[in-house]
PDB file of N, CA and C in Angstrom:
ATOM      1  N   UNK A   1       8.765  12.158  16.752  1.00  0.00           N
ATOM      2  CA  UNK A   1       9.293  10.819  16.948  1.00  0.00           C
ATOM      3  C   UNK A   1       9.207  10.067  15.617  1.00  0.00           C
ATOM      4  N   UNK A   2      10.344   9.595  15.147  1.00  0.00           N
ATOM      5  CA  UNK A   2      10.440   8.972  13.832  1.00  0.00           C
ATOM      6  C   UNK A   2       9.561   7.724  13.690  1.00  0.00           C
ATOM      7  N   UNK A   3       9.508   6.910  14.719  1.00  0.00           N
ATOM      8  CA  UNK A   3       8.737   5.663  14.637  1.00  0.00           C
ATOM      9  C   UNK A   3       7.245   5.945  14.438  1.00  0.00           C
ATOM     10  N   UNK A   4       6.750   7.002  15.028  1.00  0.00           N
ATOM     11  CA  UNK A   4       5.332   7.354  14.886  1.00  0.00           C
ATOM     12  C   UNK A   4       5.055   7.852  13.471  1.00  0.00           C
ATOM     13  N   UNK A   5       5.981   8.642  12.916  1.00  0.00           N
ATOM     14  CA  UNK A   5       5.816   9.100  11.532  1.00  0.00           C
ATOM     15  C   UNK A   5       5.817   7.905  10.579  1.00  0.00           C
ATOM     16  N   UNK A   6       6.678   6.935  10.831  1.00  0.00           N
ATOM     17  CA  UNK A   6       6.728   5.723  10.009  1.00  0.00           C
ATOM     18  C   UNK A   6       5.442   4.916  10.146  1.00  0.00           C
ATOM     19  N   UNK A   7       4.924   4.859  11.350  1.00  0.00           N
ATOM     20  CA  UNK A   7       3.683   4.131  11.596  1.00  0.00           C
ATOM     21  C   UNK A   7       2.511   4.790  10.867  1.00  0.00           C
ATOM     22  N   UNK A   8       2.450   6.102  10.899  1.00  0.00           N
ATOM     23  CA  UNK A   8       1.387   6.824  10.211  1.00  0.00           C
ATOM     24  C   UNK A   8       1.513   6.634   8.694  1.00  0.00           C
ATOM     25  N   UNK A   9       2.729   6.674   8.187  1.00  0.00           N
ATOM     26  CA  UNK A   9       2.962   6.446   6.753  1.00  0.00           C
ATOM     27  C   UNK A   9       2.512   5.039   6.366  1.00  0.00           C
ATOM     28  N   UNK A  10       2.869   4.054   7.173  1.00  0.00           N
ATOM     29  CA  UNK A  10       2.446   2.666   6.940  1.00  0.00           C
ATOM     30  C   UNK A  10       0.927   2.581   6.911  1.00  0.00           C
ATOM     31  N   UNK A  11       0.289   3.220   7.851  1.00  0.00           N
ATOM     32  CA  UNK A  11      -1.174   3.190   7.951  1.00  0.00           C
ATOM     33  C   UNK A  11      -1.825   3.797   6.709  1.00  0.00           C
ATOM     34  N   UNK A  12      -1.325   4.934   6.279  1.00  0.00           N
ATOM     35  CA  UNK A  12      -1.897   5.609   5.118  1.00  0.00           C
ATOM     36  C   UNK A  12      -1.637   4.845   3.829  1.00  0.00           C
ATOM     37  N   UNK A  13      -0.412   4.349   3.660  1.00  0.00           N
ATOM     38  CA  UNK A  13      -0.067   3.613   2.444  1.00  0.00           C
ATOM     39  C   UNK A  13      -0.858   2.316   2.315  1.00  0.00           C
ATOM     40  N   UNK A  14      -1.159   1.700   3.442  1.00  0.00           N
ATOM     41  CA  UNK A  14      -1.896   0.435   3.423  1.00  0.00           C
ATOM     42  C   UNK A  14      -3.403   0.622   3.596  1.00  0.00           C
ATOM     43  N   UNK A  15      -3.813   1.885   3.681  1.00  0.00           N
ATOM     44  CA  UNK A  15      -5.235   2.246   3.788  1.00  0.00           C
ATOM     45  C   UNK A  15      -5.950   1.490   4.901  1.00  0.00           C
ATOM     46  N   UNK A  16      -5.331   1.516   6.079  1.00  0.00           N
ATOM     47  CA  UNK A  16      -5.986   0.882   7.229  1.00  0.00           C
ATOM     48  C   UNK A  16      -6.333   1.944   8.264  1.00  0.00           C
ATOM     49  N   UNK A  17      -7.408   1.702   8.964  1.00  0.00           N
ATOM     50  CA  UNK A  17      -7.874   2.654   9.970  1.00  0.00           C
ATOM     51  C   UNK A  17      -7.008   2.574  11.228  1.00  0.00           C
ATOM     52  N   UNK A  18      -7.138   3.578  12.054  1.00  0.00           N
ATOM     53  CA  UNK A  18      -6.437   3.561  13.338  1.00  0.00           C
ATOM     54  C   UNK A  18      -6.920   2.377  14.159  1.00  0.00           C
ATOM     55  N   UNK A  19      -8.191   2.054  14.042  1.00  0.00           N
ATOM     56  CA  UNK A  19      -8.760   0.936  14.792  1.00  0.00           C
ATOM     57  C   UNK A  19      -8.142  -0.397  14.346  1.00  0.00           C
ATOM     58  N   UNK A  20      -7.990  -0.586  13.032  1.00  0.00           N
ATOM     59  CA  UNK A  20      -7.363  -1.810  12.515  1.00  0.00           C
ATOM     60  C   UNK A  20      -5.894  -1.890  12.925  1.00  0.00           C
ATOM     61  N   UNK A  21      -5.234  -0.754  12.884  1.00  0.00           N
ATOM     62  CA  UNK A  21      -3.836  -0.702  13.294  1.00  0.00           C
ATOM     63  C   UNK A  21      -3.702  -1.074  14.765  1.00  0.00           C
ATOM     64  N   UNK A  22      -4.601  -0.573  15.573  1.00  0.00           N
ATOM     65  CA  UNK A  22      -4.588  -0.883  17.007  1.00  0.00           C
ATOM     66  C   UNK A  22      -4.740  -2.392  17.226  1.00  0.00           C
ATOM     67  N   UNK A  23      -5.650  -3.015  16.475  1.00  0.00           N
ATOM     68  CA  UNK A  23      -5.841  -4.467  16.601  1.00  0.00           C
ATOM     69  C   UNK A  23      -4.582  -5.220  16.221  1.00  0.00           C
ATOM     70  N   UNK A  24      -3.915  -4.793  15.141  1.00  0.00           N
ATOM     71  CA  UNK A  24      -2.672  -5.448  14.701  1.00  0.00           C
ATOM     72  C   UNK A  24      -1.586  -5.359  15.775  1.00  0.00           C
ATOM     73  N   UNK A  25      -1.580  -4.246  16.501  1.00  0.00           N
ATOM     74  CA  UNK A  25      -0.553  -4.017  17.520  1.00  0.00           C
ATOM     75  C   UNK A  25      -0.966  -4.498  18.907  1.00  0.00           C
ATOM     76  N   UNK A  26      -2.222  -4.891  19.042  1.00  0.00           N
ATOM     77  CA  UNK A  26      -2.695  -5.384  20.332  1.00  0.00           C
ATOM     78  C   UNK A  26      -2.887  -4.307  21.379  1.00  0.00           C
ATOM     79  N   UNK A  27      -3.253  -3.118  20.907  1.00  0.00           N
ATOM     80  CA  UNK A  27      -3.521  -2.003  21.824  1.00  0.00           C
ATOM     81  C   UNK A  27      -4.903  -1.429  21.516  1.00  0.00           C
ATOM     82  N   UNK A  28      -5.368  -0.537  22.356  1.00  0.00           N
ATOM     83  CA  UNK A  28      -6.658   0.104  22.158  1.00  0.00           C
ATOM     84  C   UNK A  28      -6.565   1.172  21.066  1.00  0.00           C
ATOM     85  N   UNK A  29      -7.691   1.417  20.403  1.00  0.00           N
ATOM     86  CA  UNK A  29      -7.760   2.483  19.399  1.00  0.00           C
ATOM     87  C   UNK A  29      -7.284   3.804  19.981  1.00  0.00           C
ATOM     88  N   UNK A  30      -7.718   4.108  21.198  1.00  0.00           N
ATOM     89  CA  UNK A  30      -7.362   5.391  21.821  1.00  0.00           C
ATOM     90  C   UNK A  30      -5.851   5.528  22.002  1.00  0.00           C
ATOM     91  N   UNK A  31      -5.169   4.408  22.217  1.00  0.00           N
ATOM     92  CA  UNK A  31      -3.712   4.435  22.368  1.00  0.00           C
ATOM     93  C   UNK A  31      -3.060   4.871  21.065  1.00  0.00           C
ATOM     94  N   UNK A  32      -3.461   4.260  19.960  1.00  0.00           N
ATOM     95  CA  UNK A  32      -2.917   4.629  18.645  1.00  0.00           C
ATOM     96  C   UNK A  32      -3.254   6.087  18.336  1.00  0.00           C
ATOM     97  N   UNK A  33      -4.468   6.483  18.629  1.00  0.00           N
ATOM     98  CA  UNK A  33      -4.898   7.853  18.390  1.00  0.00           C
ATOM     99  C   UNK A  33      -4.027   8.853  19.153  1.00  0.00           C
ATOM    100  N   UNK A  34      -3.734   8.554  20.399  1.00  0.00           N
ATOM    101  CA  UNK A  34      -2.888   9.454  21.212  1.00  0.00           C
ATOM    102  C   UNK A  34      -1.458   9.504  20.684  1.00  0.00           C
ATOM    103  N   UNK A  35      -0.937   8.374  20.199  1.00  0.00           N
ATOM    104  CA  UNK A  35       0.411   8.381  19.605  1.00  0.00           C
ATOM    105  C   UNK A  35       0.435   9.299  18.392  1.00  0.00           C
ATOM    106  N   UNK A  36      -0.526   9.097  17.493  1.00  0.00           N
ATOM    107  CA  UNK A  36      -0.542   9.837  16.234  1.00  0.00           C
ATOM    108  C   UNK A  36      -0.826  11.316  16.433  1.00  0.00           C
ATOM    109  N   UNK A  37      -1.488  11.658  17.514  1.00  0.00           N
ATOM    110  CA  UNK A  37      -1.757  13.067  17.816  1.00  0.00           C
ATOM    111  C   UNK A  37      -0.696  13.684  18.723  1.00  0.00           C
ATOM    112  N   UNK A  38       0.326  12.912  19.069  1.00  0.00           N
ATOM    113  CA  UNK A  38       1.440  13.435  19.854  1.00  0.00           C
ATOM    114  C   UNK A  38       1.165  13.611  21.337  1.00  0.00           C
ATOM    115  N   UNK A  39       0.092  13.033  21.829  1.00  0.00           N
ATOM    116  CA  UNK A  39      -0.245  13.195  23.251  1.00  0.00           C
ATOM    117  C   UNK A  39       0.546  12.245  24.146  1.00  0.00           C
ATOM    118  N   UNK A  40       0.863  11.049  23.609  1.00  0.00           N
ATOM    119  CA  UNK A  40       1.669  10.082  24.353  1.00  0.00           C
ATOM    120  C   UNK A  40       2.666   9.432  23.402  1.00  0.00           C
ATOM    121  N   UNK A  41       3.574   8.663  23.977  1.00  0.00           N
ATOM    122  CA  UNK A  41       4.570   7.931  23.194  1.00  0.00           C
ATOM    123  C   UNK A  41       4.485   6.456  23.555  1.00  0.00           C
ATOM    124  N   UNK A  42       4.793   5.592  22.601  1.00  0.00           N
ATOM    125  CA  UNK A  42       4.768   4.158  22.903  1.00  0.00           C
ATOM    126  C   UNK A  42       5.876   3.782  23.885  1.00  0.00           C
ATOM    127  N   UNK A  43       5.579   2.794  24.742  1.00  0.00           N
ATOM    128  CA  UNK A  43       6.614   2.307  25.653  1.00  0.00           C
ATOM    129  C   UNK A  43       7.535   1.330  24.907  1.00  0.00           C
ATOM    130  N   UNK A  44       8.512   0.763  25.589  1.00  0.00           N
ATOM    131  CA  UNK A  44       9.492  -0.116  24.941  1.00  0.00           C
ATOM    132  C   UNK A  44       8.850  -1.318  24.249  1.00  0.00           C
ATOM    133  N   UNK A  45       7.933  -1.955  24.917  1.00  0.00           N
ATOM    134  CA  UNK A  45       7.272  -3.143  24.349  1.00  0.00           C
ATOM    135  C   UNK A  45       6.460  -2.739  23.120  1.00  0.00           C
ATOM    136  N   UNK A  46       5.750  -1.641  23.225  1.00  0.00           N
ATOM    137  CA  UNK A  46       4.953  -1.166  22.094  1.00  0.00           C
ATOM    138  C   UNK A  46       5.846  -0.797  20.920  1.00  0.00           C
ATOM    139  N   UNK A  47       6.978  -0.143  21.194  1.00  0.00           N
ATOM    140  CA  UNK A  47       7.926   0.205  20.133  1.00  0.00           C
ATOM    141  C   UNK A  47       8.425  -1.043  19.422  1.00  0.00           C
ATOM    142  N   UNK A  48       8.725  -2.072  20.191  1.00  0.00           N
ATOM    143  CA  UNK A  48       9.186  -3.336  19.620  1.00  0.00           C
ATOM    144  C   UNK A  48       8.155  -3.877  18.638  1.00  0.00           C
ATOM    145  N   UNK A  49       6.896  -3.889  19.029  1.00  0.00           N
ATOM    146  CA  UNK A  49       5.842  -4.433  18.167  1.00  0.00           C
ATOM    147  C   UNK A  49       5.576  -3.534  16.956  1.00  0.00           C
ATOM    148  N   UNK A  50       5.724  -2.242  17.121  1.00  0.00           N
ATOM    149  CA  UNK A  50       5.581  -1.322  15.988  1.00  0.00           C
ATOM    150  C   UNK A  50       6.692  -1.596  14.974  1.00  0.00           C
ATOM    151  N   UNK A  51       7.931  -1.705  15.452  1.00  0.00           N
ATOM    152  CA  UNK A  51       9.064  -1.970  14.567  1.00  0.00           C
ATOM    153  C   UNK A  51       8.892  -3.298  13.838  1.00  0.00           C
ATOM    154  N   UNK A  52       8.411  -4.297  14.558  1.00  0.00           N
ATOM    155  CA  UNK A  52       8.169  -5.617  13.973  1.00  0.00           C
ATOM    156  C   UNK A  52       7.119  -5.519  12.850  1.00  0.00           C
ATOM    157  N   UNK A  53       6.040  -4.781  13.101  1.00  0.00           N
ATOM    158  CA  UNK A  53       4.995  -4.594  12.107  1.00  0.00           C
ATOM    159  C   UNK A  53       5.532  -3.840  10.885  1.00  0.00           C
ATOM    160  N   UNK A  54       6.312  -2.809  11.119  1.00  0.00           N
ATOM    161  CA  UNK A  54       6.854  -2.021  10.013  1.00  0.00           C
ATOM    162  C   UNK A  54       7.815  -2.847   9.164  1.00  0.00           C
ATOM    163  N   UNK A  55       8.657  -3.663   9.800  1.00  0.00           N
ATOM    164  CA  UNK A  55       9.580  -4.529   9.047  1.00  0.00           C
ATOM    165  C   UNK A  55       8.814  -5.547   8.225  1.00  0.00           C
ATOM    166  N   UNK A  56       7.779  -6.109   8.815  1.00  0.00           N
ATOM    167  CA  UNK A  56       6.933  -7.095   8.122  1.00  0.00           C
ATOM    168  C   UNK A  56       6.264  -6.424   6.918  1.00  0.00           C
ATOM    169  N   UNK A  57       5.814  -5.198   7.104  1.00  0.00           N
ATOM    170  CA  UNK A  57       5.176  -4.452   6.027  1.00  0.00           C
ATOM    171  C   UNK A  57       6.122  -4.148   4.890  1.00  0.00           C
ATOM    172  N   UNK A  58       7.365  -3.866   5.209  1.00  0.00           N
ATOM    173  CA  UNK A  58       8.364  -3.566   4.175  1.00  0.00           C
ATOM    174  C   UNK A  58       8.690  -4.815   3.361  1.00  0.00           C
ATOM    175  N   UNK A  59       8.669  -5.976   4.000  1.00  0.00           N
ATOM    176  CA  UNK A  59       8.956  -7.234   3.295  1.00  0.00           C
ATOM    177  C   UNK A  59       7.870  -7.535   2.259  1.00  0.00           C
ATOM    178  N   UNK A  60       6.649  -7.091   2.543  1.00  0.00           N
ATOM    179  CA  UNK A  60       5.538  -7.365   1.641  1.00  0.00           C
ATOM    180  C   UNK A  60       5.509  -6.428   0.424  1.00  0.00           C
ATOM    181  N   UNK A  61       6.307  -5.365   0.451  1.00  0.00           N
ATOM    182  CA  UNK A  61       6.322  -4.399  -0.665  1.00  0.00           C
ATOM    183  C   UNK A  61       7.053  -4.918  -1.877  1.00  0.00           C
TER     184      UNK A  61
END
């Protein structure tokens, strides 16, 4: 899933933990962990917030 790869790239480039990323997105650490490990996928609302975070991150570059 492309959005998850982008999210992981954002996380690594900005040197933030999965826990910090979870707080930014308003979800539990375990949720982010499951996305990044391919066990689950974000729902529509979560995808919206991920896209919003990624766009905001690109503006800061």
